[in-house]
Amino acid sequence: MLVVVAMLIAYLGWKGRWAWPAALEWNSLSPHLDRFQAWLSNNRNLPHPNIAFRIFNGFATFLDNLVSWLTRFFYFLKWPGTAALGTLIVLRFGGPKAALGTLAAFVSFAVLGLWDEAVQTFALMFAAVGLSLLVGMPLGVLAGRSARFNKAITPFPRRHARSFPRSPT
């Protein structure tokens, strides 16, 4: 906290006194990113895209459909049903305090008129968490069972990792 306060004081005290050093400016990346984005936009929606764009477009379509379905589902439940569902899920996995906070959040969304935005965010979060679990759980199990796979996906291996005995199954 002290470092943040010191940085803020230094910024307010010295702002505008010295120009930003030209050696620290990096202008070469922006045009490359702009050209790459234009290339993606131009090639993504061609009548016969290549395999990479077909996979990407299929994944994007799947995500759009999943989020749309979840959004319709939450609108169908209305805010009391969605609040009850969310509160019960959090009660089961997070305990009574977290469930009470969740209920308060849902009630505040409805009272403040933020229900549409909350439903959209809720649908996006459900889709993201669901897909993360769908991908992450099998990878975690595979990494737990295969030392070679674990080593391949671990960017910085720990030097003194505790090893647990494997089950005989």
N, C-alpha and C. Protein backbone atom coordinates (compact mmCIF):
# COMPACT_ATOMS: atom_id res chain seq x y z
N MET A 1 0.83 -1.19 0.00
CA MET A 1 0.00 0.00 0.00
C MET A 1 0.87 1.25 0.00
N LEU A 2 1.96 1.20 0.76
CA LEU A 2 2.87 2.34 0.85
C LEU A 2 3.51 2.63 -0.50
N VAL A 3 3.83 1.57 -1.25
CA VAL A 3 4.43 1.75 -2.57
C VAL A 3 3.46 2.44 -3.51
N VAL A 4 2.19 2.07 -3.47
CA VAL A 4 1.19 2.69 -4.34
C VAL A 4 1.04 4.16 -3.99
N VAL A 5 1.00 4.49 -2.72
CA VAL A 5 0.89 5.89 -2.30
C VAL A 5 2.12 6.67 -2.75
N ALA A 6 3.31 6.09 -2.60
CA ALA A 6 4.53 6.76 -3.04
C ALA A 6 4.53 6.98 -4.55
N MET A 7 4.07 6.00 -5.31
CA MET A 7 4.01 6.16 -6.76
C MET A 7 3.02 7.25 -7.15
N LEU A 8 1.89 7.31 -6.46
CA LEU A 8 0.90 8.34 -6.75
C LEU A 8 1.44 9.73 -6.43
N ILE A 9 2.10 9.86 -5.30
CA ILE A 9 2.69 11.16 -4.94
C ILE A 9 3.76 11.56 -5.95
N ALA A 10 4.60 10.61 -6.35
CA ALA A 10 5.65 10.92 -7.34
C ALA A 10 5.03 11.32 -8.67
N TYR A 11 3.99 10.62 -9.08
CA TYR A 11 3.34 10.95 -10.35
C TYR A 11 2.75 12.36 -10.30
N LEU A 12 2.00 12.64 -9.23
CA LEU A 12 1.37 13.96 -9.13
C LEU A 12 2.41 15.07 -8.99
N GLY A 13 3.51 14.79 -8.31
CA GLY A 13 4.53 15.81 -8.11
C GLY A 13 5.35 16.11 -9.34
N TRP A 14 5.62 15.08 -10.15
CA TRP A 14 6.53 15.25 -11.29
C TRP A 14 5.86 15.18 -12.64
N LYS A 15 4.54 15.07 -12.69
CA LYS A 15 3.91 14.92 -14.00
C LYS A 15 4.09 16.20 -14.82
N GLY A 16 4.39 16.01 -16.08
CA GLY A 16 4.57 17.13 -16.99
C GLY A 16 5.94 17.78 -16.95
N ARG A 17 6.82 17.37 -16.04
CA ARG A 17 8.15 17.98 -15.96
C ARG A 17 9.10 17.43 -17.02
N TRP A 18 9.04 16.12 -17.25
CA TRP A 18 9.96 15.49 -18.18
C TRP A 18 9.16 14.76 -19.26
N ALA A 19 9.64 14.85 -20.47
CA ALA A 19 8.99 14.15 -21.58
C ALA A 19 9.32 12.66 -21.49
N TRP A 20 8.45 11.85 -22.04
CA TRP A 20 8.68 10.41 -22.08
C TRP A 20 9.88 10.14 -22.99
N PRO A 21 10.84 9.33 -22.57
CA PRO A 21 12.02 9.08 -23.41
C PRO A 21 11.63 8.38 -24.72
N ALA A 22 12.13 8.92 -25.82
CA ALA A 22 11.80 8.37 -27.14
C ALA A 22 12.31 6.94 -27.27
N ALA A 23 13.38 6.60 -26.57
CA ALA A 23 13.93 5.25 -26.65
C ALA A 23 12.97 4.21 -26.07
N LEU A 24 12.05 4.63 -25.22
CA LEU A 24 11.12 3.68 -24.62
C LEU A 24 9.82 3.54 -25.42
N GLU A 25 9.67 4.31 -26.48
CA GLU A 25 8.47 4.20 -27.30
C GLU A 25 8.61 3.03 -28.27
N TRP A 26 7.54 2.29 -28.41
CA TRP A 26 7.57 1.13 -29.29
C TRP A 26 6.44 1.28 -30.29
N ASN A 27 6.77 1.78 -31.46
CA ASN A 27 5.77 2.05 -32.48
C ASN A 27 5.70 0.98 -33.56
N SER A 28 6.58 0.00 -33.52
CA SER A 28 6.63 -0.95 -34.62
C SER A 28 5.59 -2.05 -34.51
N LEU A 29 5.05 -2.33 -33.35
CA LEU A 29 4.11 -3.43 -33.19
C LEU A 29 2.71 -3.08 -33.69
N SER A 30 2.29 -1.87 -33.49
CA SER A 30 0.92 -1.47 -33.82
C SER A 30 0.56 -1.70 -35.28
N PRO A 31 1.37 -1.31 -36.26
CA PRO A 31 1.00 -1.57 -37.66
C PRO A 31 0.90 -3.05 -37.98
N HIS A 32 1.77 -3.87 -37.38
CA HIS A 32 1.72 -5.31 -37.62
C HIS A 32 0.41 -5.90 -37.08
N LEU A 33 0.01 -5.48 -35.89
CA LEU A 33 -1.24 -5.97 -35.32
C LEU A 33 -2.44 -5.50 -36.13
N ASP A 34 -2.40 -4.27 -36.63
CA ASP A 34 -3.49 -3.76 -37.46
C ASP A 34 -3.62 -4.58 -38.75
N ARG A 35 -2.48 -4.88 -39.39
CA ARG A 35 -2.52 -5.69 -40.62
C ARG A 35 -3.01 -7.10 -40.33
N PHE A 36 -2.59 -7.67 -39.21
CA PHE A 36 -3.03 -9.02 -38.86
C PHE A 36 -4.54 -9.05 -38.59
N GLN A 37 -5.05 -8.04 -37.90
CA GLN A 37 -6.49 -7.98 -37.63
C GLN A 37 -7.27 -7.80 -38.94
N ALA A 38 -6.78 -6.99 -39.83
CA ALA A 38 -7.45 -6.81 -41.13
C ALA A 38 -7.43 -8.13 -41.91
N TRP A 39 -6.30 -8.84 -41.89
CA TRP A 39 -6.22 -10.13 -42.58
C TRP A 39 -7.21 -11.13 -41.98
N LEU A 40 -7.31 -11.18 -40.65
CA LEU A 40 -8.27 -12.07 -40.01
C LEU A 40 -9.70 -11.73 -40.43
N SER A 41 -10.04 -10.46 -40.40
CA SER A 41 -11.39 -10.03 -40.76
C SER A 41 -11.71 -10.37 -42.21
N ASN A 42 -10.73 -10.18 -43.10
CA ASN A 42 -10.96 -10.44 -44.51
C ASN A 42 -11.08 -11.93 -44.83
N ASN A 43 -10.34 -12.77 -44.12
CA ASN A 43 -10.29 -14.19 -44.45
C ASN A 43 -11.22 -15.06 -43.61
N ARG A 44 -11.76 -14.53 -42.56
CA ARG A 44 -12.59 -15.34 -41.66
C ARG A 44 -13.90 -15.73 -42.30
N ASN A 45 -14.52 -14.84 -43.03
CA ASN A 45 -15.86 -15.08 -43.56
C ASN A 45 -15.88 -15.32 -45.06
N LEU A 46 -14.82 -15.88 -45.60
CA LEU A 46 -14.81 -16.25 -47.02
C LEU A 46 -15.80 -17.38 -47.26
N PRO A 47 -16.30 -17.54 -48.50
CA PRO A 47 -17.24 -18.63 -48.77
C PRO A 47 -16.66 -20.01 -48.47
N HIS A 48 -15.37 -20.22 -48.74
CA HIS A 48 -14.73 -21.52 -48.48
C HIS A 48 -13.45 -21.28 -47.67
N PRO A 49 -13.60 -21.05 -46.35
CA PRO A 49 -12.40 -20.76 -45.54
C PRO A 49 -11.54 -22.01 -45.37
N ASN A 50 -10.27 -21.79 -45.01
CA ASN A 50 -9.39 -22.92 -44.79
C ASN A 50 -9.77 -23.62 -43.49
N ILE A 51 -9.10 -24.72 -43.17
CA ILE A 51 -9.49 -25.57 -42.03
C ILE A 51 -9.39 -24.82 -40.70
N ALA A 52 -8.38 -23.98 -40.55
CA ALA A 52 -8.22 -23.25 -39.29
C ALA A 52 -9.41 -22.31 -39.05
N PHE A 53 -9.83 -21.61 -40.10
CA PHE A 53 -10.96 -20.70 -39.95
C PHE A 53 -12.27 -21.47 -39.78
N ARG A 54 -12.39 -22.65 -40.41
CA ARG A 54 -13.59 -23.47 -40.20
C ARG A 54 -13.69 -23.91 -38.75
N ILE A 55 -12.56 -24.33 -38.17
CA ILE A 55 -12.56 -24.73 -36.76
C ILE A 55 -12.89 -23.54 -35.88
N PHE A 56 -12.25 -22.40 -36.14
CA PHE A 56 -12.49 -21.20 -35.36
C PHE A 56 -13.94 -20.76 -35.46
N ASN A 57 -14.49 -20.75 -36.69
CA ASN A 57 -15.88 -20.34 -36.88
C ASN A 57 -16.84 -21.32 -36.22
N GLY A 58 -16.53 -22.62 -36.27
CA GLY A 58 -17.37 -23.61 -35.60
C GLY A 58 -17.36 -23.42 -34.09
N PHE A 59 -16.19 -23.16 -33.54
CA PHE A 59 -16.08 -22.91 -32.10
C PHE A 59 -16.84 -21.64 -31.72
N ALA A 60 -16.69 -20.59 -32.53
CA ALA A 60 -17.40 -19.33 -32.25
C ALA A 60 -18.90 -19.52 -32.32
N THR A 61 -19.37 -20.29 -33.31
CA THR A 61 -20.80 -20.56 -33.43
C THR A 61 -21.30 -21.35 -32.23
N PHE A 62 -20.54 -22.36 -31.81
CA PHE A 62 -20.91 -23.14 -30.64
C PHE A 62 -21.03 -22.25 -29.41
N LEU A 63 -20.05 -21.37 -29.19
CA LEU A 63 -20.09 -20.47 -28.04
C LEU A 63 -21.27 -19.51 -28.12
N ASP A 64 -21.51 -18.97 -29.30
CA ASP A 64 -22.67 -18.07 -29.46
C ASP A 64 -23.97 -18.78 -29.13
N ASN A 65 -24.11 -20.02 -29.62
CA ASN A 65 -25.33 -20.78 -29.35
C ASN A 65 -25.47 -21.12 -27.87
N LEU A 66 -24.36 -21.48 -27.22
CA LEU A 66 -24.39 -21.81 -25.79
C LEU A 66 -24.79 -20.60 -24.96
N VAL A 67 -24.17 -19.46 -25.23
CA VAL A 67 -24.48 -18.24 -24.47
C VAL A 67 -25.92 -17.80 -24.74
N SER A 68 -26.39 -17.93 -25.99
CA SER A 68 -27.78 -17.57 -26.31
C SER A 68 -28.75 -18.47 -25.57
N TRP A 69 -28.47 -19.78 -25.54
CA TRP A 69 -29.35 -20.71 -24.83
C TRP A 69 -29.39 -20.38 -23.34
N LEU A 70 -28.22 -20.14 -22.74
CA LEU A 70 -28.19 -19.81 -21.31
C LEU A 70 -28.93 -18.50 -21.04
N THR A 71 -28.77 -17.52 -21.91
CA THR A 71 -29.47 -16.25 -21.73
C THR A 71 -30.98 -16.46 -21.78
N ARG A 72 -31.45 -17.22 -22.76
CA ARG A 72 -32.89 -17.50 -22.84
C ARG A 72 -33.37 -18.25 -21.60
N PHE A 73 -32.55 -19.19 -21.12
CA PHE A 73 -32.91 -19.96 -19.93
C PHE A 73 -33.07 -19.06 -18.71
N PHE A 74 -32.13 -18.13 -18.51
CA PHE A 74 -32.20 -17.24 -17.35
C PHE A 74 -33.36 -16.26 -17.48
N TYR A 75 -33.65 -15.80 -18.70
CA TYR A 75 -34.82 -14.95 -18.90
C TYR A 75 -36.10 -15.73 -18.63
N PHE A 76 -36.12 -17.02 -19.00
CA PHE A 76 -37.28 -17.86 -18.74
C PHE A 76 -37.52 -18.01 -17.23
N LEU A 77 -36.43 -18.15 -16.46
CA LEU A 77 -36.56 -18.30 -15.00
C LEU A 77 -36.97 -17.00 -14.30
N LYS A 78 -36.80 -15.88 -14.98
CA LYS A 78 -37.02 -14.55 -14.40
C LYS A 78 -35.98 -14.34 -13.28
N TRP A 79 -35.99 -13.16 -12.69
CA TRP A 79 -34.95 -12.91 -11.70
C TRP A 79 -35.13 -13.72 -10.42
N PRO A 80 -36.37 -13.97 -9.93
CA PRO A 80 -36.45 -14.78 -8.70
C PRO A 80 -35.95 -16.22 -8.90
N GLY A 81 -36.26 -16.81 -10.05
CA GLY A 81 -35.81 -18.17 -10.32
C GLY A 81 -34.31 -18.25 -10.50
N THR A 82 -33.75 -17.29 -11.21
CA THR A 82 -32.30 -17.27 -11.40
C THR A 82 -31.59 -16.99 -10.09
N ALA A 83 -32.15 -16.10 -9.28
CA ALA A 83 -31.56 -15.81 -7.97
C ALA A 83 -31.61 -17.05 -7.08
N ALA A 84 -32.73 -17.77 -7.11
CA ALA A 84 -32.83 -18.99 -6.30
C ALA A 84 -31.85 -20.04 -6.78
N LEU A 85 -31.73 -20.23 -8.11
CA LEU A 85 -30.79 -21.20 -8.65
C LEU A 85 -29.36 -20.85 -8.27
N GLY A 86 -28.98 -19.60 -8.49
CA GLY A 86 -27.62 -19.18 -8.15
C GLY A 86 -27.33 -19.30 -6.66
N THR A 87 -28.29 -18.92 -5.83
CA THR A 87 -28.11 -19.00 -4.38
C THR A 87 -27.97 -20.44 -3.93
N LEU A 88 -28.79 -21.34 -4.48
CA LEU A 88 -28.69 -22.75 -4.10
C LEU A 88 -27.37 -23.37 -4.53
N ILE A 89 -26.90 -23.02 -5.72
CA ILE A 89 -25.61 -23.55 -6.18
C ILE A 89 -24.49 -23.06 -5.28
N VAL A 90 -24.51 -21.77 -4.95
CA VAL A 90 -23.46 -21.22 -4.08
C VAL A 90 -23.59 -21.77 -2.67
N LEU A 91 -24.80 -21.98 -2.18
CA LEU A 91 -24.99 -22.57 -0.86
C LEU A 91 -24.38 -23.97 -0.82
N ARG A 92 -24.58 -24.74 -1.89
CA ARG A 92 -24.05 -26.10 -1.93
C ARG A 92 -22.52 -26.12 -1.95
N PHE A 93 -21.91 -25.24 -2.72
CA PHE A 93 -20.46 -25.30 -2.91
C PHE A 93 -19.69 -24.23 -2.15
N GLY A 94 -20.35 -23.16 -1.68
CA GLY A 94 -19.62 -22.08 -1.04
C GLY A 94 -20.00 -21.80 0.39
N GLY A 95 -21.12 -22.31 0.84
CA GLY A 95 -21.53 -22.11 2.22
C GLY A 95 -22.56 -21.00 2.36
N PRO A 96 -23.08 -20.85 3.60
CA PRO A 96 -24.17 -19.90 3.83
C PRO A 96 -23.79 -18.44 3.63
N LYS A 97 -22.59 -18.03 4.03
CA LYS A 97 -22.20 -16.62 3.86
C LYS A 97 -22.13 -16.24 2.39
N ALA A 98 -21.51 -17.09 1.61
CA ALA A 98 -21.40 -16.81 0.18
C ALA A 98 -22.78 -16.82 -0.48
N ALA A 99 -23.66 -17.73 -0.03
CA ALA A 99 -25.00 -17.79 -0.60
C ALA A 99 -25.79 -16.53 -0.27
N LEU A 100 -25.63 -16.02 0.93
CA LEU A 100 -26.31 -14.78 1.31
C LEU A 100 -25.80 -13.61 0.47
N GLY A 101 -24.49 -13.56 0.24
CA GLY A 101 -23.93 -12.52 -0.63
C GLY A 101 -24.43 -12.63 -2.05
N THR A 102 -24.57 -13.86 -2.55
CA THR A 102 -25.09 -14.08 -3.89
C THR A 102 -26.54 -13.62 -3.99
N LEU A 103 -27.33 -13.97 -3.01
CA LEU A 103 -28.73 -13.54 -3.00
C LEU A 103 -28.82 -12.01 -2.97
N ALA A 104 -28.00 -11.38 -2.15
CA ALA A 104 -27.99 -9.92 -2.08
C ALA A 104 -27.59 -9.32 -3.43
N ALA A 105 -26.63 -9.93 -4.11
CA ALA A 105 -26.20 -9.43 -5.41
C ALA A 105 -27.33 -9.54 -6.43
N PHE A 106 -28.02 -10.68 -6.45
CA PHE A 106 -29.13 -10.84 -7.40
C PHE A 106 -30.26 -9.85 -7.12
N VAL A 107 -30.58 -9.66 -5.86
CA VAL A 107 -31.63 -8.70 -5.52
C VAL A 107 -31.20 -7.29 -5.94
N SER A 108 -29.94 -6.95 -5.72
CA SER A 108 -29.47 -5.62 -6.11
C SER A 108 -29.50 -5.44 -7.62
N PHE A 109 -29.21 -6.51 -8.40
CA PHE A 109 -29.31 -6.41 -9.86
C PHE A 109 -30.74 -6.04 -10.27
N ALA A 110 -31.71 -6.69 -9.64
CA ALA A 110 -33.11 -6.44 -9.99
C ALA A 110 -33.54 -5.04 -9.54
N VAL A 111 -33.17 -4.66 -8.32
CA VAL A 111 -33.60 -3.37 -7.78
C VAL A 111 -32.96 -2.21 -8.54
N LEU A 112 -31.71 -2.35 -8.95
CA LEU A 112 -31.01 -1.26 -9.63
C LEU A 112 -31.28 -1.22 -11.13
N GLY A 113 -32.08 -2.17 -11.63
CA GLY A 113 -32.39 -2.18 -13.05
C GLY A 113 -31.28 -2.71 -13.92
N LEU A 114 -30.42 -3.54 -13.37
CA LEU A 114 -29.29 -4.10 -14.11
C LEU A 114 -29.51 -5.56 -14.48
N TRP A 115 -30.78 -5.97 -14.53
CA TRP A 115 -31.05 -7.39 -14.73
C TRP A 115 -30.59 -7.88 -16.10
N ASP A 116 -30.82 -7.10 -17.16
CA ASP A 116 -30.41 -7.53 -18.50
C ASP A 116 -28.90 -7.71 -18.58
N GLU A 117 -28.16 -6.76 -18.05
CA GLU A 117 -26.70 -6.85 -18.06
C GLU A 117 -26.22 -8.02 -17.21
N ALA A 118 -26.89 -8.24 -16.07
CA ALA A 118 -26.50 -9.34 -15.19
C ALA A 118 -26.74 -10.68 -15.85
N VAL A 119 -27.87 -10.82 -16.56
CA VAL A 119 -28.17 -12.08 -17.24
C VAL A 119 -27.14 -12.36 -18.32
N GLN A 120 -26.77 -11.35 -19.08
CA GLN A 120 -25.76 -11.53 -20.12
C GLN A 120 -24.42 -11.94 -19.52
N THR A 121 -24.02 -11.27 -18.45
CA THR A 121 -22.76 -11.61 -17.78
C THR A 121 -22.83 -13.00 -17.17
N PHE A 122 -23.95 -13.31 -16.55
CA PHE A 122 -24.14 -14.62 -15.93
C PHE A 122 -24.04 -15.74 -16.98
N ALA A 123 -24.67 -15.54 -18.13
CA ALA A 123 -24.62 -16.54 -19.20
C ALA A 123 -23.19 -16.71 -19.72
N LEU A 124 -22.48 -15.60 -19.90
CA LEU A 124 -21.09 -15.69 -20.33
C LEU A 124 -20.23 -16.41 -19.31
N MET A 125 -20.44 -16.13 -18.02
CA MET A 125 -19.65 -16.78 -16.98
C MET A 125 -19.96 -18.27 -16.89
N PHE A 126 -21.22 -18.63 -16.97
CA PHE A 126 -21.58 -20.06 -16.96
C PHE A 126 -20.92 -20.78 -18.12
N ALA A 127 -20.96 -20.19 -19.31
CA ALA A 127 -20.35 -20.82 -20.48
C ALA A 127 -18.83 -20.93 -20.29
N ALA A 128 -18.19 -19.89 -19.81
CA ALA A 128 -16.75 -19.91 -19.63
C ALA A 128 -16.31 -20.93 -18.60
N VAL A 129 -17.00 -20.97 -17.47
CA VAL A 129 -16.65 -21.93 -16.42
C VAL A 129 -16.92 -23.35 -16.88
N GLY A 130 -18.06 -23.56 -17.54
CA GLY A 130 -18.38 -24.89 -18.04
C GLY A 130 -17.35 -25.40 -19.04
N LEU A 131 -16.96 -24.55 -19.99
CA LEU A 131 -15.96 -24.96 -20.97
C LEU A 131 -14.59 -25.13 -20.34
N SER A 132 -14.26 -24.32 -19.36
CA SER A 132 -12.98 -24.48 -18.66
C SER A 132 -12.93 -25.82 -17.93
N LEU A 133 -14.03 -26.19 -17.29
CA LEU A 133 -14.08 -27.49 -16.63
C LEU A 133 -14.04 -28.63 -17.63
N LEU A 134 -14.72 -28.46 -18.75
CA LEU A 134 -14.76 -29.49 -19.77
C LEU A 134 -13.37 -29.76 -20.34
N VAL A 135 -12.56 -28.72 -20.47
CA VAL A 135 -11.21 -28.88 -20.99
C VAL A 135 -10.22 -29.17 -19.87
N GLY A 136 -10.34 -28.47 -18.76
CA GLY A 136 -9.34 -28.55 -17.69
C GLY A 136 -9.36 -29.84 -16.90
N MET A 137 -10.53 -30.38 -16.64
CA MET A 137 -10.58 -31.60 -15.83
C MET A 137 -9.91 -32.79 -16.51
N PRO A 138 -10.20 -33.07 -17.77
CA PRO A 138 -9.47 -34.19 -18.40
C PRO A 138 -7.96 -33.94 -18.50
N LEU A 139 -7.57 -32.68 -18.77
CA LEU A 139 -6.14 -32.39 -18.82
C LEU A 139 -5.49 -32.58 -17.45
N GLY A 140 -6.18 -32.19 -16.39
CA GLY A 140 -5.65 -32.38 -15.04
C GLY A 140 -5.52 -33.84 -14.68
N VAL A 141 -6.51 -34.64 -15.04
CA VAL A 141 -6.44 -36.08 -14.77
C VAL A 141 -5.29 -36.70 -15.55
N LEU A 142 -5.18 -36.32 -16.82
CA LEU A 142 -4.10 -36.85 -17.65
C LEU A 142 -2.73 -36.44 -17.11
N ALA A 143 -2.62 -35.19 -16.66
CA ALA A 143 -1.35 -34.72 -16.09
C ALA A 143 -1.04 -35.44 -14.79
N GLY A 144 -2.07 -35.79 -14.02
CA GLY A 144 -1.84 -36.52 -12.78
C GLY A 144 -1.44 -37.96 -12.99
N ARG A 145 -1.82 -38.52 -14.11
CA ARG A 145 -1.52 -39.92 -14.40
C ARG A 145 -0.28 -40.11 -15.25
N SER A 146 0.13 -39.09 -15.98
CA SER A 146 1.27 -39.22 -16.88
C SER A 146 2.32 -38.17 -16.54
N ALA A 147 3.46 -38.62 -16.05
CA ALA A 147 4.55 -37.69 -15.71
C ALA A 147 5.06 -36.99 -16.96
N ARG A 148 5.07 -37.68 -18.08
CA ARG A 148 5.56 -37.09 -19.33
C ARG A 148 4.63 -35.95 -19.77
N PHE A 149 3.31 -36.19 -19.72
CA PHE A 149 2.36 -35.14 -20.10
C PHE A 149 2.43 -33.98 -19.12
N ASN A 150 2.55 -34.26 -17.83
CA ASN A 150 2.68 -33.21 -16.82
C ASN A 150 3.90 -32.35 -17.10
N LYS A 151 5.00 -32.99 -17.46
CA LYS A 151 6.22 -32.23 -17.75
C LYS A 151 6.03 -31.38 -19.01
N ALA A 152 5.29 -31.91 -19.98
CA ALA A 152 5.08 -31.19 -21.23
C ALA A 152 4.23 -29.94 -21.05
N ILE A 153 3.27 -29.98 -20.13
CA ILE A 153 2.37 -28.82 -19.96
C ILE A 153 2.78 -27.90 -18.83
N THR A 154 3.80 -28.26 -18.07
CA THR A 154 4.26 -27.43 -16.96
C THR A 154 5.34 -26.48 -17.46
N PRO A 155 5.06 -25.17 -17.49
CA PRO A 155 6.04 -24.23 -18.05
C PRO A 155 7.28 -24.07 -17.19
N PHE A 156 7.12 -24.04 -15.87
CA PHE A 156 8.25 -23.87 -14.96
C PHE A 156 8.16 -24.95 -13.90
N PRO A 157 8.86 -26.06 -14.09
CA PRO A 157 8.75 -27.14 -13.09
C PRO A 157 9.33 -26.71 -11.75
N ARG A 158 8.71 -27.17 -10.70
CA ARG A 158 9.21 -26.87 -9.36
C ARG A 158 10.43 -27.73 -9.09
N ARG A 159 11.39 -27.16 -8.39
CA ARG A 159 12.61 -27.91 -8.11
C ARG A 159 12.41 -28.93 -7.00
N HIS A 160 11.62 -28.59 -6.02
CA HIS A 160 11.44 -29.47 -4.86
C HIS A 160 9.99 -29.88 -4.73
N ALA A 161 9.43 -30.42 -5.79
CA ALA A 161 8.03 -30.84 -5.74
C ALA A 161 7.91 -32.11 -4.93
N ARG A 162 6.92 -32.13 -4.05
CA ARG A 162 6.66 -33.35 -3.28
C ARG A 162 6.00 -34.37 -4.19
N SER A 163 6.43 -35.56 -4.10
CA SER A 163 5.79 -36.59 -4.92
C SER A 163 4.90 -37.44 -4.02
N PHE A 164 3.73 -37.70 -4.52
CA PHE A 164 2.78 -38.53 -3.79
C PHE A 164 2.78 -39.92 -4.41
N PRO A 165 2.66 -40.94 -3.60
CA PRO A 165 2.65 -42.28 -4.19
C PRO A 165 1.40 -42.47 -5.04
N ARG A 166 1.58 -43.12 -6.16
CA ARG A 166 0.47 -43.39 -7.07
C ARG A 166 -0.34 -44.55 -6.53
N SER A 167 -1.64 -44.49 -6.79
CA SER A 167 -2.50 -45.59 -6.35
C SER A 167 -2.24 -46.80 -7.24
N PRO A 168 -2.42 -48.00 -6.74
CA PRO A 168 -2.11 -49.19 -7.53
C PRO A 168 -3.12 -49.47 -8.63
N THR A 169 -4.14 -48.63 -8.83
CA THR A 169 -5.14 -48.90 -9.87
C THR A 169 -4.64 -48.64 -11.24
